[in-house]
């Protein structure tokens, strides 16, 4: 058997074990009482399938709390290409931990073990920056802290139904503004007209990063998404000046959608453009098959939170962003 075939078979086997384990853990999480149930987001079938596909394709790696007993807990490890390109050294992100244990000391120990394994893997690949967004579970946070991770930021997660176009809320359209798709447009031209993308609490930040890091990163993320057919996007344009004044981008996975970018030019904020873009994108996501919309934003971003709540999205489990950088 060729090394490539062995690699694929190993990844596919890991993906099958991962899918079964995540399904089991998610089922058990749904039966947990507060506060544990409030700390931990539960993965739906689509998210389980998406995580498993990443492992099967070799884009993510599973780190088990105990290799002989997958259900004891796991982390997902994934390299970050855009951040690595910007920083000039390796960057990776962790997802999880996924575990169910009523004993906080056990959760702390398991998290610490998996975090240490992740850092060992990172060092073997010359990765110098590792980040994670995890639950507010104090035991989990202590486990990451034991491994050397430090808190960076708190993010708020919201979720709600995607309204069909004929039921979308009636939005007062600002005078002289039109909203259209970005298909075939030059991403650079769109982004140049918008100015600096609003920094919305991305988990990669800190005093050791370049001063313009977040702006450059969001620019690269936006360029990538606008060039992707898998990311529905809309741009608001000032018809008098012929220049973009707002941008909304989403992703769709099955019936679940996520809002990845909602940006309005500084000079046009407070005029209802954010609500107009959110409404228009919601209708587009519905046409793409989405029925649920998820949003994540920094907890300090009060204008964004007000917009999302007024739109009808409701808070789910918040996340804590942590990072490790020697």
C-alpha atoms as a PDB file:
ATOM      1  CA  UNK A   1       0.000   0.000   0.000  1.00  0.00           C
ATOM      2  CA  UNK A   2       1.329   3.443  -0.933  1.00  0.00           C
ATOM      3  CA  UNK A   3       2.158   5.980   1.817  1.00  0.00           C
ATOM      4  CA  UNK A   4      -0.509   8.320   0.387  1.00  0.00           C
ATOM      5  CA  UNK A   5      -3.187   5.600   0.571  1.00  0.00           C
ATOM      6  CA  UNK A   6      -2.135   4.752   4.133  1.00  0.00           C
ATOM      7  CA  UNK A   7      -2.390   8.443   5.034  1.00  0.00           C
ATOM      8  CA  UNK A   8      -5.873   8.688   3.560  1.00  0.00           C
ATOM      9  CA  UNK A   9      -7.071   5.494   5.240  1.00  0.00           C
ATOM     10  CA  UNK A  10      -5.753   6.691   8.598  1.00  0.00           C
ATOM     11  CA  UNK A  11      -7.497  10.055   8.188  1.00  0.00           C
ATOM     12  CA  UNK A  12     -10.780   8.428   7.182  1.00  0.00           C
ATOM     13  CA  UNK A  13     -10.638   6.083  10.165  1.00  0.00           C
ATOM     14  CA  UNK A  14      -9.987   9.022  12.494  1.00  0.00           C
ATOM     15  CA  UNK A  15     -12.852  10.928  10.887  1.00  0.00           C
ATOM     16  CA  UNK A  16     -15.283   8.057  11.500  1.00  0.00           C
ATOM     17  CA  UNK A  17     -14.227   7.763  15.148  1.00  0.00           C
ATOM     18  CA  UNK A  18     -14.466  11.546  15.515  1.00  0.00           C
ATOM     19  CA  UNK A  19     -17.991  11.674  14.074  1.00  0.00           C
ATOM     20  CA  UNK A  20     -19.211   8.914  16.392  1.00  0.00           C
ATOM     21  CA  UNK A  21     -17.536  10.511  19.417  1.00  0.00           C
ATOM     22  CA  UNK A  22     -18.840  14.024  18.734  1.00  0.00           C
ATOM     23  CA  UNK A  23     -22.345  12.671  18.173  1.00  0.00           C
ATOM     24  CA  UNK A  24     -22.197  10.826  21.501  1.00  0.00           C
ATOM     25  CA  UNK A  25     -20.806  13.833  23.373  1.00  0.00           C
ATOM     26  CA  UNK A  26     -23.368  16.213  21.844  1.00  0.00           C
ATOM     27  CA  UNK A  27     -26.197  13.855  22.807  1.00  0.00           C
ATOM     28  CA  UNK A  28     -24.973  13.716  26.401  1.00  0.00           C
ATOM     29  CA  UNK A  29     -24.463  17.498  26.543  1.00  0.00           C
ATOM     30  CA  UNK A  30     -28.150  18.030  25.766  1.00  0.00           C
ATOM     31  CA  UNK A  31     -29.079  16.234  28.997  1.00  0.00           C
ATOM     32  CA  UNK A  32     -26.816  18.288  31.262  1.00  0.00           C
ATOM     33  CA  UNK A  33     -28.290  20.804  33.717  1.00  0.00           C
ATOM     34  CA  UNK A  34     -27.013  24.380  34.177  1.00  0.00           C
ATOM     35  CA  UNK A  35     -24.426  25.735  34.524  1.00  0.00           C
ATOM     36  CA  UNK A  36     -22.586  23.110  32.458  1.00  0.00           C
ATOM     37  CA  UNK A  37     -25.188  23.235  29.683  1.00  0.00           C
ATOM     38  CA  UNK A  38     -24.755  27.021  29.481  1.00  0.00           C
ATOM     39  CA  UNK A  39     -20.968  26.816  29.161  1.00  0.00           C
ATOM     40  CA  UNK A  40     -20.724  24.434  26.238  1.00  0.00           C
ATOM     41  CA  UNK A  41     -22.133  24.884  22.716  1.00  0.00           C
ATOM     42  CA  UNK A  42     -23.695  21.666  21.394  1.00  0.00           C
ATOM     43  CA  UNK A  43     -22.696  20.606  17.868  1.00  0.00           C
ATOM     44  CA  UNK A  44     -25.493  19.719  15.465  1.00  0.00           C
ATOM     45  CA  UNK A  45     -25.244  17.006  12.806  1.00  0.00           C
ATOM     46  CA  UNK A  46     -24.016  19.453  10.161  1.00  0.00           C
ATOM     47  CA  UNK A  47     -21.196  20.726  12.349  1.00  0.00           C
ATOM     48  CA  UNK A  48     -20.169  17.160  13.240  1.00  0.00           C
ATOM     49  CA  UNK A  49     -20.070  16.281   9.555  1.00  0.00           C
ATOM     50  CA  UNK A  50     -18.039  19.405   8.736  1.00  0.00           C
ATOM     51  CA  UNK A  51     -15.451  18.657  11.450  1.00  0.00           C
ATOM     52  CA  UNK A  52     -15.181  15.044  10.296  1.00  0.00           C
ATOM     53  CA  UNK A  53     -14.632  16.098   6.689  1.00  0.00           C
ATOM     54  CA  UNK A  54     -11.755  18.351   7.754  1.00  0.00           C
ATOM     55  CA  UNK A  55     -10.078  15.364   9.402  1.00  0.00           C
ATOM     56  CA  UNK A  56     -10.807  13.046   6.479  1.00  0.00           C
ATOM     57  CA  UNK A  57      -9.256  15.587   4.078  1.00  0.00           C
ATOM     58  CA  UNK A  58      -6.164  15.960   6.256  1.00  0.00           C
ATOM     59  CA  UNK A  59      -6.943  19.607   7.083  1.00  0.00           C
ATOM     60  CA  UNK A  60      -7.386  18.985  10.808  1.00  0.00           C
ATOM     61  CA  UNK A  61      -5.973  16.541  13.321  1.00  0.00           C
ATOM     62  CA  UNK A  62      -7.657  14.955  16.329  1.00  0.00           C
ATOM     63  CA  UNK A  63      -5.948  15.155  19.715  1.00  0.00           C
ATOM     64  CA  UNK A  64      -7.411  12.662  22.168  1.00  0.00           C
ATOM     65  CA  UNK A  65      -7.373  13.000  25.936  1.00  0.00           C
ATOM     66  CA  UNK A  66      -6.717   9.251  26.060  1.00  0.00           C
ATOM     67  CA  UNK A  67      -5.748   7.440  22.871  1.00  0.00           C
ATOM     68  CA  UNK A  68      -7.371   4.191  24.023  1.00  0.00           C
ATOM     69  CA  UNK A  69     -10.699   5.801  24.966  1.00  0.00           C
ATOM     70  CA  UNK A  70     -11.920   8.483  22.484  1.00  0.00           C
ATOM     71  CA  UNK A  71     -15.024   9.371  24.498  1.00  0.00           C
ATOM     72  CA  UNK A  72     -12.835  10.726  27.314  1.00  0.00           C
ATOM     73  CA  UNK A  73     -12.384  13.947  25.329  1.00  0.00           C
ATOM     74  CA  UNK A  74     -10.788  15.497  22.254  1.00  0.00           C
ATOM     75  CA  UNK A  75      -9.445  18.657  20.661  1.00  0.00           C
ATOM     76  CA  UNK A  76      -9.190  19.515  16.978  1.00  0.00           C
ATOM     77  CA  UNK A  77      -5.936  21.035  15.696  1.00  0.00           C
ATOM     78  CA  UNK A  78      -5.796  22.997  12.450  1.00  0.00           C
ATOM     79  CA  UNK A  79      -3.106  25.125  10.791  1.00  0.00           C
ATOM     80  CA  UNK A  80      -4.034  28.713   9.901  1.00  0.00           C
ATOM     81  CA  UNK A  81      -2.760  29.666   6.470  1.00  0.00           C
ATOM     82  CA  UNK A  82      -3.682  33.368   6.364  1.00  0.00           C
ATOM     83  CA  UNK A  83      -2.339  34.116   9.841  1.00  0.00           C
ATOM     84  CA  UNK A  84       0.869  32.218   9.073  1.00  0.00           C
ATOM     85  CA  UNK A  85       1.338  34.237   5.890  1.00  0.00           C
ATOM     86  CA  UNK A  86       0.883  37.522   7.742  1.00  0.00           C
ATOM     87  CA  UNK A  87       2.925  36.699  10.813  1.00  0.00           C
ATOM     88  CA  UNK A  88       5.838  35.106   9.012  1.00  0.00           C
ATOM     89  CA  UNK A  89       5.746  32.112  11.368  1.00  0.00           C
ATOM     90  CA  UNK A  90       3.425  29.164  11.963  1.00  0.00           C
ATOM     91  CA  UNK A  91      -0.049  29.689  13.426  1.00  0.00           C
ATOM     92  CA  UNK A  92      -2.683  27.119  14.409  1.00  0.00           C
ATOM     93  CA  UNK A  93      -6.130  27.089  15.978  1.00  0.00           C
ATOM     94  CA  UNK A  94      -7.735  24.553  18.309  1.00  0.00           C
ATOM     95  CA  UNK A  95     -11.427  23.693  18.450  1.00  0.00           C
ATOM     96  CA  UNK A  96     -12.868  22.269  21.649  1.00  0.00           C
ATOM     97  CA  UNK A  97     -12.353  20.622  23.994  1.00  0.00           C
ATOM     98  CA  UNK A  98     -15.233  18.233  23.435  1.00  0.00           C
ATOM     99  CA  UNK A  99     -15.805  16.257  26.613  1.00  0.00           C
ATOM    100  CA  UNK A 100     -18.459  15.431  29.185  1.00  0.00           C
ATOM    101  CA  UNK A 101     -17.382  14.861  32.768  1.00  0.00           C
ATOM    102  CA  UNK A 102     -19.245  16.051  35.879  1.00  0.00           C
ATOM    103  CA  UNK A 103     -16.004  16.274  37.852  1.00  0.00           C
ATOM    104  CA  UNK A 104     -14.402  19.747  37.372  1.00  0.00           C
ATOM    105  CA  UNK A 105     -10.988  18.464  38.445  1.00  0.00           C
ATOM    106  CA  UNK A 106     -11.167  15.778  35.758  1.00  0.00           C
ATOM    107  CA  UNK A 107     -12.199  18.329  33.126  1.00  0.00           C
ATOM    108  CA  UNK A 108      -9.276  20.548  34.114  1.00  0.00           C
ATOM    109  CA  UNK A 109      -6.832  17.632  33.954  1.00  0.00           C
ATOM    110  CA  UNK A 110      -8.096  16.359  30.590  1.00  0.00           C
ATOM    111  CA  UNK A 111      -8.053  19.842  29.073  1.00  0.00           C
ATOM    112  CA  UNK A 112      -4.515  20.420  30.327  1.00  0.00           C
ATOM    113  CA  UNK A 113      -3.359  17.104  28.868  1.00  0.00           C
ATOM    114  CA  UNK A 114      -4.893  17.828  25.459  1.00  0.00           C
ATOM    115  CA  UNK A 115      -3.616  21.418  25.418  1.00  0.00           C
ATOM    116  CA  UNK A 116      -0.095  20.196  26.211  1.00  0.00           C
ATOM    117  CA  UNK A 117      -0.325  17.615  23.402  1.00  0.00           C
ATOM    118  CA  UNK A 118      -1.473  20.348  21.014  1.00  0.00           C
ATOM    119  CA  UNK A 119       1.476  22.560  21.906  1.00  0.00           C
ATOM    120  CA  UNK A 120       3.847  19.634  21.492  1.00  0.00           C
ATOM    121  CA  UNK A 121       2.420  19.039  18.019  1.00  0.00           C
ATOM    122  CA  UNK A 122       2.701  22.754  17.234  1.00  0.00           C
ATOM    123  CA  UNK A 123       6.365  22.874  18.246  1.00  0.00           C
ATOM    124  CA  UNK A 124       7.118  19.816  16.095  1.00  0.00           C
ATOM    125  CA  UNK A 125       5.779  21.790  13.131  1.00  0.00           C
ATOM    126  CA  UNK A 126       7.530  25.048  14.021  1.00  0.00           C
ATOM    127  CA  UNK A 127       4.211  26.690  14.922  1.00  0.00           C
ATOM    128  CA  UNK A 128       4.741  29.559  17.356  1.00  0.00           C
ATOM    129  CA  UNK A 129       1.221  30.894  17.810  1.00  0.00           C
ATOM    130  CA  UNK A 130      -1.740  28.751  18.885  1.00  0.00           C
ATOM    131  CA  UNK A 131      -5.227  30.077  19.626  1.00  0.00           C
ATOM    132  CA  UNK A 132      -8.483  28.580  20.801  1.00  0.00           C
ATOM    133  CA  UNK A 133     -12.062  29.706  21.377  1.00  0.00           C
ATOM    134  CA  UNK A 134     -13.596  27.661  24.124  1.00  0.00           C
ATOM    135  CA  UNK A 135     -16.384  27.611  26.681  1.00  0.00           C
ATOM    136  CA  UNK A 136     -16.579  29.646  29.893  1.00  0.00           C
ATOM    137  CA  UNK A 137     -16.268  26.469  31.934  1.00  0.00           C
ATOM    138  CA  UNK A 138     -13.831  27.472  34.733  1.00  0.00           C
ATOM    139  CA  UNK A 139     -12.336  23.967  34.779  1.00  0.00           C
ATOM    140  CA  UNK A 140     -11.601  24.088  31.030  1.00  0.00           C
ATOM    141  CA  UNK A 141     -10.081  27.561  31.322  1.00  0.00           C
ATOM    142  CA  UNK A 142      -7.864  26.396  34.185  1.00  0.00           C
ATOM    143  CA  UNK A 143      -6.746  23.451  32.048  1.00  0.00           C
ATOM    144  CA  UNK A 144      -5.653  25.714  29.203  1.00  0.00           C
ATOM    145  CA  UNK A 145      -4.000  28.059  31.694  1.00  0.00           C
ATOM    146  CA  UNK A 146      -2.033  25.129  33.134  1.00  0.00           C
ATOM    147  CA  UNK A 147      -0.611  24.521  29.649  1.00  0.00           C
ATOM    148  CA  UNK A 148       0.426  28.171  29.240  1.00  0.00           C
ATOM    149  CA  UNK A 149      -2.538  29.711  27.393  1.00  0.00           C
ATOM    150  CA  UNK A 150      -3.643  33.232  28.289  1.00  0.00           C
ATOM    151  CA  UNK A 151      -7.051  34.878  27.969  1.00  0.00           C
ATOM    152  CA  UNK A 152      -7.313  37.248  25.007  1.00  0.00           C
ATOM    153  CA  UNK A 153     -10.983  38.173  24.692  1.00  0.00           C
ATOM    154  CA  UNK A 154     -14.604  37.228  25.323  1.00  0.00           C
ATOM    155  CA  UNK A 155     -16.924  36.786  22.365  1.00  0.00           C
ATOM    156  CA  UNK A 156     -20.717  36.703  22.253  1.00  0.00           C
ATOM    157  CA  UNK A 157     -22.504  34.123  20.115  1.00  0.00           C
ATOM    158  CA  UNK A 158     -26.036  34.593  18.815  1.00  0.00           C
ATOM    159  CA  UNK A 159     -28.363  32.475  16.735  1.00  0.00           C
ATOM    160  CA  UNK A 160     -31.801  32.663  15.176  1.00  0.00           C
ATOM    161  CA  UNK A 161     -33.964  31.656  12.223  1.00  0.00           C
ATOM    162  CA  UNK A 162     -33.274  32.789   8.692  1.00  0.00           C
ATOM    163  CA  UNK A 163     -36.376  34.546   7.364  1.00  0.00           C
ATOM    164  CA  UNK A 164     -37.558  33.700   3.830  1.00  0.00           C
ATOM    165  CA  UNK A 165     -37.482  36.599   1.357  1.00  0.00           C
ATOM    166  CA  UNK A 166     -41.253  37.098   1.392  1.00  0.00           C
ATOM    167  CA  UNK A 167     -41.274  37.255   5.196  1.00  0.00           C
ATOM    168  CA  UNK A 168     -38.174  39.403   5.640  1.00  0.00           C
ATOM    169  CA  UNK A 169     -38.601  42.458   7.784  1.00  0.00           C
ATOM    170  CA  UNK A 170     -39.428  45.646   5.955  1.00  0.00           C
ATOM    171  CA  UNK A 171     -36.322  47.795   6.134  1.00  0.00           C
ATOM    172  CA  UNK A 172     -36.238  51.492   5.371  1.00  0.00           C
ATOM    173  CA  UNK A 173     -33.651  51.834   2.633  1.00  0.00           C
ATOM    174  CA  UNK A 174     -31.325  54.818   3.087  1.00  0.00           C
ATOM    175  CA  UNK A 175     -31.644  57.322   0.292  1.00  0.00           C
ATOM    176  CA  UNK A 176     -29.238  56.829  -2.591  1.00  0.00           C
ATOM    177  CA  UNK A 177     -28.170  53.300  -1.582  1.00  0.00           C
ATOM    178  CA  UNK A 178     -28.623  50.012  -3.441  1.00  0.00           C
ATOM    179  CA  UNK A 179     -27.652  46.487  -2.417  1.00  0.00           C
ATOM    180  CA  UNK A 180     -26.405  43.956  -4.944  1.00  0.00           C
ATOM    181  CA  UNK A 181     -24.399  40.774  -5.197  1.00  0.00           C
ATOM    182  CA  UNK A 182     -20.640  40.760  -5.652  1.00  0.00           C
ATOM    183  CA  UNK A 183     -20.451  37.985  -8.261  1.00  0.00           C
ATOM    184  CA  UNK A 184     -17.656  38.656 -10.702  1.00  0.00           C
ATOM    185  CA  UNK A 185     -16.580  41.882  -9.017  1.00  0.00           C
ATOM    186  CA  UNK A 186     -12.995  42.774  -8.269  1.00  0.00           C
ATOM    187  CA  UNK A 187     -12.680  42.085  -4.524  1.00  0.00           C
ATOM    188  CA  UNK A 188      -9.815  44.532  -4.168  1.00  0.00           C
ATOM    189  CA  UNK A 189     -11.871  47.351  -5.713  1.00  0.00           C
ATOM    190  CA  UNK A 190     -14.789  46.668  -3.371  1.00  0.00           C
ATOM    191  CA  UNK A 191     -12.579  46.613  -0.298  1.00  0.00           C
ATOM    192  CA  UNK A 192     -10.601  49.692  -1.336  1.00  0.00           C
ATOM    193  CA  UNK A 193     -13.830  51.660  -1.402  1.00  0.00           C
ATOM    194  CA  UNK A 194     -14.839  50.451   2.072  1.00  0.00           C
ATOM    195  CA  UNK A 195     -11.639  51.534   3.807  1.00  0.00           C
ATOM    196  CA  UNK A 196     -10.238  49.645   6.801  1.00  0.00           C
ATOM    197  CA  UNK A 197     -12.416  46.733   7.797  1.00  0.00           C
ATOM    198  CA  UNK A 198     -13.834  47.092  11.266  1.00  0.00           C
ATOM    199  CA  UNK A 199     -11.878  45.081  13.826  1.00  0.00           C
ATOM    200  CA  UNK A 200     -14.459  42.875  15.487  1.00  0.00           C
ATOM    201  CA  UNK A 201     -12.637  41.011  18.215  1.00  0.00           C
ATOM    202  CA  UNK A 202     -10.736  38.450  16.179  1.00  0.00           C
ATOM    203  CA  UNK A 203      -9.028  35.976  18.470  1.00  0.00           C
ATOM    204  CA  UNK A 204      -5.585  36.673  17.008  1.00  0.00           C
ATOM    205  CA  UNK A 205      -4.373  39.798  18.731  1.00  0.00           C
ATOM    206  CA  UNK A 206      -1.852  40.850  21.329  1.00  0.00           C
ATOM    207  CA  UNK A 207       1.160  43.069  21.929  1.00  0.00           C
ATOM    208  CA  UNK A 208       3.481  40.681  20.085  1.00  0.00           C
ATOM    209  CA  UNK A 209       1.573  41.045  16.805  1.00  0.00           C
ATOM    210  CA  UNK A 210       2.163  43.727  14.155  1.00  0.00           C
ATOM    211  CA  UNK A 211       0.162  46.907  14.761  1.00  0.00           C
ATOM    212  CA  UNK A 212      -1.733  46.581  11.488  1.00  0.00           C
ATOM    213  CA  UNK A 213      -2.251  42.843  11.839  1.00  0.00           C
ATOM    214  CA  UNK A 214      -6.024  42.741  12.363  1.00  0.00           C
ATOM    215  CA  UNK A 215      -6.750  45.119   9.467  1.00  0.00           C
ATOM    216  CA  UNK A 216      -4.560  43.190   7.060  1.00  0.00           C
ATOM    217  CA  UNK A 217      -5.973  39.858   8.216  1.00  0.00           C
ATOM    218  CA  UNK A 218      -9.589  40.921   7.731  1.00  0.00           C
ATOM    219  CA  UNK A 219      -8.668  42.257   4.299  1.00  0.00           C
ATOM    220  CA  UNK A 220      -7.270  38.843   3.330  1.00  0.00           C
ATOM    221  CA  UNK A 221     -10.292  37.047   4.795  1.00  0.00           C
ATOM    222  CA  UNK A 222     -12.661  39.304   2.845  1.00  0.00           C
ATOM    223  CA  UNK A 223     -10.736  38.873  -0.406  1.00  0.00           C
ATOM    224  CA  UNK A 224     -10.797  35.096   0.028  1.00  0.00           C
ATOM    225  CA  UNK A 225     -14.517  35.002   0.814  1.00  0.00           C
ATOM    226  CA  UNK A 226     -15.504  37.347  -2.008  1.00  0.00           C
ATOM    227  CA  UNK A 227     -13.648  35.109  -4.445  1.00  0.00           C
ATOM    228  CA  UNK A 228     -15.425  31.986  -3.150  1.00  0.00           C
ATOM    229  CA  UNK A 229     -18.670  30.689  -4.658  1.00  0.00           C
ATOM    230  CA  UNK A 230     -19.436  29.111  -1.275  1.00  0.00           C
ATOM    231  CA  UNK A 231     -19.703  32.482   0.484  1.00  0.00           C
ATOM    232  CA  UNK A 232     -22.850  34.463  -0.438  1.00  0.00           C
ATOM    233  CA  UNK A 233     -22.018  38.164  -0.287  1.00  0.00           C
ATOM    234  CA  UNK A 234     -23.683  41.517  -0.841  1.00  0.00           C
ATOM    235  CA  UNK A 235     -22.341  45.037  -1.166  1.00  0.00           C
ATOM    236  CA  UNK A 236     -24.198  48.271  -0.420  1.00  0.00           C
ATOM    237  CA  UNK A 237     -23.365  50.982  -2.941  1.00  0.00           C
ATOM    238  CA  UNK A 238     -23.840  54.749  -2.825  1.00  0.00           C
ATOM    239  CA  UNK A 239     -25.520  55.266  -6.190  1.00  0.00           C
ATOM    240  CA  UNK A 240     -24.599  58.949  -6.346  1.00  0.00           C
ATOM    241  CA  UNK A 241     -20.881  58.409  -5.842  1.00  0.00           C
ATOM    242  CA  UNK A 242     -20.728  54.901  -7.290  1.00  0.00           C
ATOM    243  CA  UNK A 243     -18.702  53.591  -4.358  1.00  0.00           C
ATOM    244  CA  UNK A 244     -19.277  50.737  -1.871  1.00  0.00           C
ATOM    245  CA  UNK A 245     -20.386  51.725   1.646  1.00  0.00           C
ATOM    246  CA  UNK A 246     -21.131  48.348   3.212  1.00  0.00           C
ATOM    247  CA  UNK A 247     -20.414  44.632   2.909  1.00  0.00           C
ATOM    248  CA  UNK A 248     -22.072  41.460   4.220  1.00  0.00           C
ATOM    249  CA  UNK A 249     -20.646  37.943   3.763  1.00  0.00           C
ATOM    250  CA  UNK A 250     -21.948  34.604   4.973  1.00  0.00           C
ATOM    251  CA  UNK A 251     -21.287  30.893   4.682  1.00  0.00           C
ATOM    252  CA  UNK A 252     -23.767  28.045   4.339  1.00  0.00           C
ATOM    253  CA  UNK A 253     -23.340  24.477   5.556  1.00  0.00           C
ATOM    254  CA  UNK A 254     -26.504  22.466   5.060  1.00  0.00           C
ATOM    255  CA  UNK A 255     -29.324  24.326   6.800  1.00  0.00           C
ATOM    256  CA  UNK A 256     -26.966  26.319   8.979  1.00  0.00           C
ATOM    257  CA  UNK A 257     -25.488  29.678   7.953  1.00  0.00           C
ATOM    258  CA  UNK A 258     -22.942  31.928   9.620  1.00  0.00           C
ATOM    259  CA  UNK A 259     -22.399  35.645   9.229  1.00  0.00           C
ATOM    260  CA  UNK A 260     -18.665  36.107   8.732  1.00  0.00           C
ATOM    261  CA  UNK A 261     -18.450  39.813   7.813  1.00  0.00           C
ATOM    262  CA  UNK A 262     -20.837  42.705   8.346  1.00  0.00           C
ATOM    263  CA  UNK A 263     -19.078  45.992   7.735  1.00  0.00           C
ATOM    264  CA  UNK A 264     -20.297  49.528   7.132  1.00  0.00           C
ATOM    265  CA  UNK A 265     -17.995  52.408   6.216  1.00  0.00           C
ATOM    266  CA  UNK A 266     -17.238  54.655   9.178  1.00  0.00           C
ATOM    267  CA  UNK A 267     -18.787  57.684   7.488  1.00  0.00           C
ATOM    268  CA  UNK A 268     -22.103  55.854   6.866  1.00  0.00           C
ATOM    269  CA  UNK A 269     -22.714  54.191  10.242  1.00  0.00           C
ATOM    270  CA  UNK A 270     -25.892  54.937  12.159  1.00  0.00           C
ATOM    271  CA  UNK A 271     -27.984  55.217   8.984  1.00  0.00           C
ATOM    272  CA  UNK A 272     -29.529  51.734   8.957  1.00  0.00           C
ATOM    273  CA  UNK A 273     -27.117  50.169   6.464  1.00  0.00           C
ATOM    274  CA  UNK A 274     -26.162  47.341   8.809  1.00  0.00           C
ATOM    275  CA  UNK A 275     -29.786  46.325   9.239  1.00  0.00           C
ATOM    276  CA  UNK A 276     -30.409  46.604   5.502  1.00  0.00           C
ATOM    277  CA  UNK A 277     -27.420  44.374   4.707  1.00  0.00           C
ATOM    278  CA  UNK A 278     -28.391  41.840   7.379  1.00  0.00           C
ATOM    279  CA  UNK A 279     -31.943  41.635   6.035  1.00  0.00           C
ATOM    280  CA  UNK A 280     -30.792  41.286   2.430  1.00  0.00           C
ATOM    281  CA  UNK A 281     -28.186  38.661   3.266  1.00  0.00           C
ATOM    282  CA  UNK A 282     -30.715  36.712   5.350  1.00  0.00           C
ATOM    283  CA  UNK A 283     -32.993  36.446   2.321  1.00  0.00           C
ATOM    284  CA  UNK A 284     -30.081  35.306   0.148  1.00  0.00           C
ATOM    285  CA  UNK A 285     -29.008  32.680   2.704  1.00  0.00           C
ATOM    286  CA  UNK A 286     -32.560  31.346   2.820  1.00  0.00           C
ATOM    287  CA  UNK A 287     -32.494  30.889  -0.947  1.00  0.00           C
ATOM    288  CA  UNK A 288     -29.246  28.922  -0.493  1.00  0.00           C
ATOM    289  CA  UNK A 289     -31.014  26.495   1.845  1.00  0.00           C
ATOM    290  CA  UNK A 290     -30.077  27.946   5.251  1.00  0.00           C
ATOM    291  CA  UNK A 291     -32.685  28.002   8.001  1.00  0.00           C
ATOM    292  CA  UNK A 292     -30.534  29.023  10.982  1.00  0.00           C
ATOM    293  CA  UNK A 293     -28.137  31.974  11.204  1.00  0.00           C
ATOM    294  CA  UNK A 294     -25.230  32.079  13.672  1.00  0.00           C
ATOM    295  CA  UNK A 295     -23.249  35.200  14.507  1.00  0.00           C
ATOM    296  CA  UNK A 296     -20.183  35.803  16.660  1.00  0.00           C
ATOM    297  CA  UNK A 297     -18.903  39.185  17.787  1.00  0.00           C
ATOM    298  CA  UNK A 298     -16.755  40.709  20.499  1.00  0.00           C
ATOM    299  CA  UNK A 299     -18.633  41.190  23.768  1.00  0.00           C
ATOM    300  CA  UNK A 300     -17.596  44.865  23.807  1.00  0.00           C
ATOM    301  CA  UNK A 301     -19.133  45.519  20.373  1.00  0.00           C
ATOM    302  CA  UNK A 302     -22.397  46.946  21.698  1.00  0.00           C
ATOM    303  CA  UNK A 303     -23.663  48.456  18.399  1.00  0.00           C
ATOM    304  CA  UNK A 304     -23.355  45.074  16.680  1.00  0.00           C
ATOM    305  CA  UNK A 305     -24.987  43.248  19.587  1.00  0.00           C
ATOM    306  CA  UNK A 306     -27.905  45.698  19.578  1.00  0.00           C
ATOM    307  CA  UNK A 307     -28.378  45.186  15.834  1.00  0.00           C
ATOM    308  CA  UNK A 308     -28.369  41.389  16.108  1.00  0.00           C
ATOM    309  CA  UNK A 309     -30.707  41.252  19.109  1.00  0.00           C
ATOM    310  CA  UNK A 310     -33.151  43.707  17.537  1.00  0.00           C
ATOM    311  CA  UNK A 311     -33.054  41.618  14.398  1.00  0.00           C
ATOM    312  CA  UNK A 312     -34.249  38.613  16.405  1.00  0.00           C
ATOM    313  CA  UNK A 313     -31.068  36.679  17.149  1.00  0.00           C
ATOM    314  CA  UNK A 314     -30.677  35.317  20.668  1.00  0.00           C
ATOM    315  CA  UNK A 315     -27.641  34.683  22.820  1.00  0.00           C
ATOM    316  CA  UNK A 316     -26.230  31.166  22.942  1.00  0.00           C
ATOM    317  CA  UNK A 317     -23.161  29.921  24.813  1.00  0.00           C
ATOM    318  CA  UNK A 318     -20.434  32.625  24.866  1.00  0.00           C
ATOM    319  CA  UNK A 319     -16.834  31.796  24.028  1.00  0.00           C
ATOM    320  CA  UNK A 320     -13.521  32.707  25.587  1.00  0.00           C
ATOM    321  CA  UNK A 321     -10.614  33.384  23.238  1.00  0.00           C
ATOM    322  CA  UNK A 322      -7.188  32.301  24.501  1.00  0.00           C
ATOM    323  CA  UNK A 323      -3.783  32.164  22.876  1.00  0.00           C
ATOM    324  CA  UNK A 324      -0.351  30.712  23.419  1.00  0.00           C
ATOM    325  CA  UNK A 325       2.786  32.436  22.207  1.00  0.00           C
ATOM    326  CA  UNK A 326       6.175  31.637  23.809  1.00  0.00           C
END
